[in-house]
Amino acid sequence: MLSLSAYPIQNIELKNRIVMPPMCMYSAINGFVQPFHLTHYGSRAIGGVGMVIVEATAVSPEGRITDQDLGIWDNQFIEGLQSLVQEIHRYGAKAFIQLAHAGRKSMSSATPHIAPSAITFSEEYEQPVAMDIDDLIRFKQCFVNAANRALKAGFDGIEIHGAHGYLLHEFLSPLSNHRDDNYGGSLDNRARLLRELITDVRSTIGKQAVLQVRISATDYDPEGITPQDIIEILTPVKEHLDFVHVSSGGNALRRIDLKPLYQVPFSKTIKEGLGLPTIAVGLIHTMEEAEAILANNEADLVAFGRELLRNPYIVIQAYAKEKDLDHLPEPYLRAFK
């Protein structure tokens, strides 16, 4: 099966093409890794996935979605994250981390909640403070510092969260960015912060880690961003990226026609438009679906989200079905012979 084949990237090799995407667990205490996280991520590594992406981890206290998010804004978090990396590595998976700032969608008790413009996401959220240039400088430094801490913790890769209506997506979209300076207005201006951040993070980590970005390919709004916009946004910095993780929505309350594989066409469009490897995600439920996505060259890796919450062992079950028992944890072999 193509989905079970190894995938080399930079100086690492994924043992297969199945990814656990970042899914917020809201189980941290004061930003710190808890025993739950070790069990949660370790069990998916035992289950055979090639890449585990740790959930959105905040680069600053006010950048948390909730107070129960993981944090990486201080060196005190490195030890716990290092334990998490070791647990993932113990079972043969590669460990990635998603670095994030929630922007106007933060419900953290830490303030101020910041955004490109003082536009509230919905009635559930308070009005954010529009960022000034000093805020932008601080934000970029927070991200670079977080990337350094991720390296110290031993992560194999870093994912910049530019999707789902959080801060970087807010800058990209005209629905949430009404600035009139160099970070607003034209698409190039709205893309400036993400491009600068990608360049700065790559400069910081060099080739020590894989670098990818998660994007929302569309706002599902005629006035919002489109897949072609994403291609234009990322083209000037694509030499710094190893993957584009393709999702959609989250920056405006719009109806989305949710159905299996609904985001896969976006992955194909961006893969072809940028000439970069992509990760497809979004209501993908079976190994057969993953196999078809890869065979049709719609993505290079496939992420199971909710399916891995339901069944952490979907990948080793696929290995067993292929009679490839060498990839099964030895204590589990008796279940498949």
Protein backbone atom coordinates (compact mmCIF):
# COMPACT_ATOMS: atom_id res chain seq x y z
CA MET A 1 0.00 0.00 0.00
CA LEU A 2 1.26 3.46 -0.92
CA SER A 3 -0.03 4.83 2.38
CA LEU A 4 2.25 2.44 4.28
CA SER A 5 5.36 3.28 2.28
CA ALA A 6 8.20 5.27 3.82
CA TYR A 7 8.49 8.97 3.01
CA PRO A 8 11.88 10.73 3.25
CA ILE A 9 11.92 14.46 3.90
CA GLN A 10 15.02 16.51 4.70
CA ASN A 11 17.09 14.53 7.20
CA ILE A 12 14.30 12.28 8.48
CA GLU A 13 12.19 9.47 7.10
CA LEU A 14 8.54 8.92 7.99
CA LYS A 15 7.85 5.20 8.28
CA ASN A 16 4.54 5.72 6.45
CA ARG A 17 2.37 8.49 5.03
CA ILE A 18 -0.27 8.61 7.75
CA VAL A 19 -0.38 11.68 10.00
CA MET A 20 -2.03 12.46 13.30
CA PRO A 21 -3.06 16.12 12.83
CA PRO A 22 -3.07 18.65 15.68
CA MET A 23 -6.29 18.41 17.69
CA CYS A 24 -6.73 20.55 20.79
CA MET A 25 -7.25 18.44 23.90
CA TYR A 26 -7.74 21.33 26.36
CA SER A 27 -6.07 19.23 29.05
CA ALA A 28 -2.96 21.25 29.97
CA ILE A 29 -2.53 22.87 33.37
CA ASN A 30 -0.93 26.32 33.21
CA GLY A 31 0.44 25.33 29.79
CA PHE A 32 2.25 22.22 31.04
CA VAL A 33 2.19 18.72 29.55
CA GLN A 34 0.17 16.30 31.71
CA PRO A 35 0.20 12.47 31.96
CA PHE A 36 -2.84 12.49 29.66
CA HIS A 37 -0.76 13.97 26.84
CA LEU A 38 1.89 11.26 27.17
CA THR A 39 -0.75 8.54 26.94
CA HIS A 40 -2.76 10.28 24.23
CA TYR A 41 0.11 10.90 21.81
CA GLY A 42 2.09 7.81 22.78
CA SER A 43 -0.84 5.51 21.99
CA ARG A 44 -1.13 6.92 18.47
CA ALA A 45 2.61 6.34 18.01
CA ILE A 46 2.16 2.74 19.20
CA GLY A 47 -0.75 2.60 16.76
CA GLY A 48 1.66 3.09 13.88
CA VAL A 49 1.22 6.59 12.45
CA GLY A 50 4.30 8.02 10.74
CA MET A 51 3.94 11.62 11.95
CA VAL A 52 2.35 12.90 15.16
CA ILE A 53 1.64 16.65 15.21
CA VAL A 54 1.15 17.89 18.75
CA GLU A 55 -1.84 20.15 19.19
CA ALA A 56 -1.81 23.96 18.93
CA THR A 57 0.81 25.11 21.42
CA ALA A 58 0.72 28.77 22.34
CA VAL A 59 3.69 31.06 21.72
CA SER A 60 2.40 33.54 24.32
CA PRO A 61 -0.09 33.33 27.24
CA GLU A 62 -2.75 35.44 25.53
CA GLY A 63 -2.28 33.37 22.39
CA ARG A 64 -3.97 30.35 23.95
CA ILE A 65 -7.40 29.38 22.66
CA THR A 66 -8.29 28.49 26.26
CA ASP A 67 -6.39 28.38 29.54
CA GLN A 68 -6.15 24.61 29.09
CA ASP A 69 -3.92 24.84 25.99
CA LEU A 70 -0.31 23.68 25.93
CA GLY A 71 2.29 26.45 26.12
CA ILE A 72 5.78 27.03 24.77
CA TRP A 73 6.27 30.72 25.67
CA ASP A 74 8.83 29.99 28.38
CA ASN A 75 11.80 27.65 28.85
CA GLN A 76 9.98 26.01 31.74
CA PHE A 77 7.82 24.13 29.22
CA ILE A 78 10.74 22.44 27.45
CA GLU A 79 11.12 19.55 29.90
CA GLY A 80 7.51 18.40 29.57
CA LEU A 81 7.54 18.74 25.80
CA GLN A 82 10.81 16.80 25.68
CA SER A 83 9.13 13.94 27.57
CA LEU A 84 6.32 14.04 25.03
CA VAL A 85 8.78 13.85 22.11
CA GLN A 86 10.55 10.90 23.74
CA GLU A 87 7.26 9.06 24.16
CA ILE A 88 6.38 9.58 20.48
CA HIS A 89 9.86 8.57 19.32
CA ARG A 90 9.83 5.49 21.54
CA TYR A 91 7.36 3.84 19.18
CA GLY A 92 8.85 4.91 15.86
CA ALA A 93 6.81 7.98 14.94
CA LYS A 94 8.23 11.41 14.16
CA ALA A 95 7.22 14.23 16.49
CA PHE A 96 6.02 17.58 15.15
CA ILE A 97 4.51 20.52 17.01
CA GLN A 98 2.03 23.15 15.87
CA LEU A 99 3.01 26.63 17.06
CA ALA A 100 0.00 28.88 17.36
CA HIS A 101 -1.53 32.17 18.44
CA ALA A 102 -5.32 32.35 18.71
CA GLY A 103 -5.62 36.08 18.02
CA ARG A 104 -9.20 37.33 18.31
CA LYS A 105 -10.43 33.76 18.95
CA SER A 106 -8.62 33.55 22.29
CA MET A 107 -10.67 32.87 25.40
CA SER A 108 -7.59 32.83 27.59
CA SER A 109 -7.66 34.74 30.87
CA ALA A 110 -4.38 36.35 29.76
CA THR A 111 -4.90 39.67 27.98
CA PRO A 112 -4.94 41.71 25.85
CA HIS A 113 -6.45 39.63 23.09
CA ILE A 114 -4.92 40.95 19.89
CA ALA A 115 -5.79 40.85 16.20
CA PRO A 116 -4.91 42.67 12.98
CA SER A 117 -8.02 44.82 13.42
CA ALA A 118 -10.44 45.48 16.27
CA ILE A 119 -13.11 43.21 14.77
CA THR A 120 -14.87 40.65 16.97
CA PHE A 121 -15.19 37.09 15.63
CA SER A 122 -18.65 36.55 17.14
CA GLU A 123 -20.77 37.42 20.16
CA GLU A 124 -18.99 34.72 22.15
CA TYR A 125 -15.70 36.60 21.98
CA GLU A 126 -14.59 39.97 23.31
CA GLN A 127 -13.44 42.70 20.96
CA PRO A 128 -9.71 42.38 20.30
CA VAL A 129 -7.10 45.13 20.34
CA ALA A 130 -5.66 46.05 16.93
CA MET A 131 -1.94 45.27 16.89
CA ASP A 132 0.55 48.08 16.43
CA ILE A 133 4.05 47.67 14.98
CA ASP A 134 5.56 46.94 18.39
CA ASP A 135 3.00 44.17 18.87
CA LEU A 136 3.99 42.68 15.50
CA ILE A 137 7.67 42.73 16.42
CA ARG A 138 6.95 41.06 19.77
CA PHE A 139 4.73 38.45 18.14
CA LYS A 140 7.38 37.46 15.61
CA GLN A 141 10.00 37.21 18.35
CA CYS A 142 7.65 35.02 20.41
CA PHE A 143 7.29 32.68 17.44
CA VAL A 144 11.04 32.51 16.81
CA ASN A 145 11.71 31.86 20.49
CA ALA A 146 9.08 29.12 20.48
CA ALA A 147 10.70 27.49 17.44
CA ASN A 148 14.02 27.44 19.30
CA ARG A 149 12.38 25.80 22.30
CA ALA A 150 10.78 23.21 20.02
CA LEU A 151 14.25 22.31 18.73
CA LYS A 152 15.56 22.01 22.29
CA ALA A 153 12.67 19.69 23.11
CA GLY A 154 13.72 17.47 20.19
CA PHE A 155 10.84 17.91 17.75
CA ASP A 156 11.51 16.69 14.21
CA GLY A 157 9.27 19.32 12.65
CA ILE A 158 7.46 22.58 13.27
CA GLU A 159 4.06 23.54 11.89
CA ILE A 160 3.11 27.22 11.75
CA HIS A 161 -0.62 27.53 12.38
CA GLY A 162 -1.98 29.85 9.69
CA ALA A 163 -5.50 28.40 9.57
CA HIS A 164 -8.91 28.22 11.27
CA GLY A 165 -9.38 31.90 11.97
CA TYR A 166 -6.48 32.27 14.37
CA LEU A 167 -4.06 35.19 14.29
CA LEU A 168 -2.09 34.48 11.11
CA HIS A 169 -5.25 33.55 9.20
CA GLU A 170 -6.84 36.77 10.48
CA PHE A 171 -4.05 38.74 8.81
CA LEU A 172 -4.45 36.85 5.53
CA SER A 173 -8.19 37.36 5.17
CA PRO A 174 -9.85 40.64 4.13
CA LEU A 175 -12.79 39.61 6.31
CA SER A 176 -10.72 40.19 9.46
CA ASN A 177 -7.87 42.44 8.29
CA HIS A 178 -8.97 46.04 7.71
CA ARG A 179 -5.55 47.61 8.29
CA ASP A 180 -4.28 50.49 6.18
CA ASP A 181 -0.56 49.99 6.81
CA ASN A 182 1.98 47.60 5.26
CA TYR A 183 0.21 44.63 6.85
CA GLY A 184 -3.24 45.31 5.37
CA GLY A 185 -5.03 46.14 2.16
CA SER A 186 -3.52 44.26 -0.78
CA LEU A 187 -2.98 40.51 -0.74
CA ASP A 188 0.78 41.05 -0.62
CA ASN A 189 0.42 43.26 2.43
CA ARG A 190 -1.94 40.85 4.17
CA ALA A 191 0.53 38.03 3.42
CA ARG A 192 3.50 39.99 4.77
CA LEU A 193 3.37 38.74 8.38
CA LEU A 194 3.09 35.06 7.45
CA ARG A 195 5.84 35.36 4.87
CA GLU A 196 8.13 37.14 7.34
CA LEU A 197 7.42 34.53 9.96
CA ILE A 198 8.12 31.60 7.63
CA THR A 199 11.41 33.22 6.61
CA ASP A 200 12.39 34.00 10.21
CA VAL A 201 11.56 30.53 11.52
CA ARG A 202 13.45 28.82 8.70
CA SER A 203 16.42 31.08 9.32
CA THR A 204 16.28 30.12 13.00
CA ILE A 205 15.90 26.35 12.65
CA GLY A 206 17.92 25.93 9.45
CA LYS A 207 17.74 22.32 8.32
CA GLN A 208 17.52 20.98 11.87
CA ALA A 209 13.79 20.43 11.52
CA VAL A 210 11.09 20.12 8.89
CA LEU A 211 9.00 23.27 8.46
CA GLN A 212 5.39 23.28 7.34
CA VAL A 213 2.43 25.63 7.46
CA ARG A 214 -1.22 24.84 8.03
CA ILE A 215 -3.56 27.00 6.01
CA SER A 216 -7.27 27.41 5.42
CA ALA A 217 -7.69 27.23 1.66
CA THR A 218 -10.96 29.16 1.70
CA ASP A 219 -13.10 31.33 3.98
CA TYR A 220 -16.27 29.99 2.31
CA ASP A 221 -17.15 33.60 1.59
CA PRO A 222 -17.03 35.41 -1.78
CA GLU A 223 -15.10 38.25 -0.12
CA GLY A 224 -12.65 35.94 1.64
CA ILE A 225 -9.48 34.11 0.66
CA THR A 226 -9.39 31.39 -1.98
CA PRO A 227 -7.04 28.53 -2.90
CA GLN A 228 -5.50 30.73 -5.59
CA ASP A 229 -4.83 33.39 -2.96
CA ILE A 230 -3.02 30.79 -0.83
CA ILE A 231 -0.86 29.84 -3.81
CA GLU A 232 0.02 33.50 -4.35
CA ILE A 233 0.66 34.02 -0.63
CA LEU A 234 3.07 31.10 -0.31
CA THR A 235 4.87 31.23 -3.67
CA PRO A 236 7.51 33.81 -2.58
CA VAL A 237 8.46 31.68 0.47
CA LYS A 238 7.89 28.17 -0.81
CA GLU A 239 11.63 27.41 -0.85
CA HIS A 240 11.50 27.62 2.96
CA LEU A 241 8.65 25.09 3.30
CA ASP A 242 8.64 21.30 3.26
CA PHE A 243 4.87 20.73 3.49
CA VAL A 244 1.59 22.62 3.28
CA HIS A 245 -1.10 21.19 5.54
CA VAL A 246 -4.36 22.03 3.78
CA SER A 247 -7.51 22.71 5.81
CA SER A 248 -10.29 25.29 5.37
CA GLY A 249 -12.65 27.72 7.10
CA GLY A 250 -12.71 28.98 10.65
CA ASN A 251 -12.41 32.74 10.15
CA ALA A 252 -16.08 33.53 9.65
CA LEU A 253 -19.37 31.93 10.63
CA ARG A 254 -20.28 30.47 7.26
CA ARG A 255 -22.09 27.31 6.23
CA ILE A 256 -19.71 24.50 5.23
CA ASP A 257 -20.99 21.45 3.37
CA LEU A 258 -19.28 18.86 5.52
CA LYS A 259 -18.86 15.48 3.87
CA PRO A 260 -16.12 12.84 3.59
CA LEU A 261 -12.97 14.09 1.81
CA TYR A 262 -14.45 17.60 1.43
CA GLN A 263 -11.05 19.31 1.71
CA VAL A 264 -9.06 16.97 -0.54
CA PRO A 265 -9.66 19.02 -3.74
CA PHE A 266 -8.07 22.03 -2.00
CA SER A 267 -4.99 19.92 -1.26
CA LYS A 268 -4.70 18.91 -4.90
CA THR A 269 -5.07 22.51 -6.13
CA ILE A 270 -2.41 23.84 -3.76
CA LYS A 271 -0.05 20.92 -4.38
CA GLU A 272 -0.20 21.52 -8.13
CA GLY A 273 -0.11 25.32 -7.84
CA LEU A 274 2.89 25.47 -5.52
CA GLY A 275 4.74 22.34 -6.51
CA LEU A 276 5.08 21.51 -2.81
CA PRO A 277 4.09 18.35 -0.93
CA THR A 278 0.75 18.63 0.87
CA ILE A 279 -1.02 16.94 3.76
CA ALA A 280 -4.70 16.25 3.13
CA VAL A 281 -7.07 16.35 6.11
CA GLY A 282 -10.78 16.56 6.82
CA LEU A 283 -13.29 13.73 7.41
CA ILE A 284 -11.01 11.04 6.01
CA HIS A 285 -12.10 7.82 7.69
CA THR A 286 -10.52 4.76 6.06
CA MET A 287 -7.16 3.51 4.84
CA GLU A 288 -8.82 2.87 1.48
CA GLU A 289 -9.66 6.58 1.22
CA ALA A 290 -6.09 7.48 2.14
CA GLU A 291 -4.80 5.09 -0.50
CA ALA A 292 -6.98 6.66 -3.19
CA ILE A 293 -5.89 10.21 -2.25
CA LEU A 294 -2.22 9.24 -2.58
CA ALA A 295 -2.72 7.18 -5.73
CA ASN A 296 -4.51 10.12 -7.38
CA ASN A 297 -1.63 12.43 -6.38
CA GLU A 298 -3.98 14.70 -4.46
CA ALA A 299 -1.62 14.81 -1.48
CA ASP A 300 1.65 13.34 -0.27
CA LEU A 301 0.55 12.55 3.27
CA VAL A 302 -2.91 11.89 4.71
CA ALA A 303 -4.10 12.94 8.16
CA PHE A 304 -6.74 11.11 10.17
CA GLY A 305 -8.19 13.32 12.88
CA ARG A 306 -11.44 12.13 14.44
CA GLU A 307 -10.80 8.62 13.15
CA LEU A 308 -7.62 8.40 15.24
CA LEU A 309 -9.60 9.52 18.28
CA ARG A 310 -12.00 6.64 17.65
CA ASN A 311 -9.38 4.10 16.63
CA PRO A 312 -5.74 4.78 17.58
CA TYR A 313 -4.72 1.50 15.95
CA ILE A 314 -6.06 1.93 12.43
CA VAL A 315 -2.54 1.90 10.96
CA ILE A 316 -1.28 -1.28 12.62
CA GLN A 317 -4.54 -2.92 11.56
CA ALA A 318 -3.65 -1.96 7.98
CA TYR A 319 -0.13 -3.40 8.40
CA ALA A 320 -1.65 -6.64 9.67
CA LYS A 321 -4.07 -6.79 6.75
CA GLU A 322 -1.07 -6.51 4.42
CA LYS A 323 0.69 -9.31 6.38
CA ASP A 324 3.42 -6.83 7.29
CA LEU A 325 3.79 -7.95 10.89
CA ASP A 326 7.28 -6.45 11.24
CA HIS A 327 5.65 -3.04 11.74
CA LEU A 328 3.44 -4.21 14.60
CA PRO A 329 4.42 -3.76 18.24
CA GLU A 330 5.67 -7.18 19.34
CA PRO A 331 3.38 -7.34 22.41
CA TYR A 332 0.38 -7.01 20.05
CA LEU A 333 1.36 -9.71 17.54
CA ARG A 334 -0.78 -12.39 19.13
CA ALA A 335 -3.87 -10.39 18.21
CA PHE A 336 -3.09 -10.61 14.50
CA LYS A 337 -1.44 -14.02 13.93
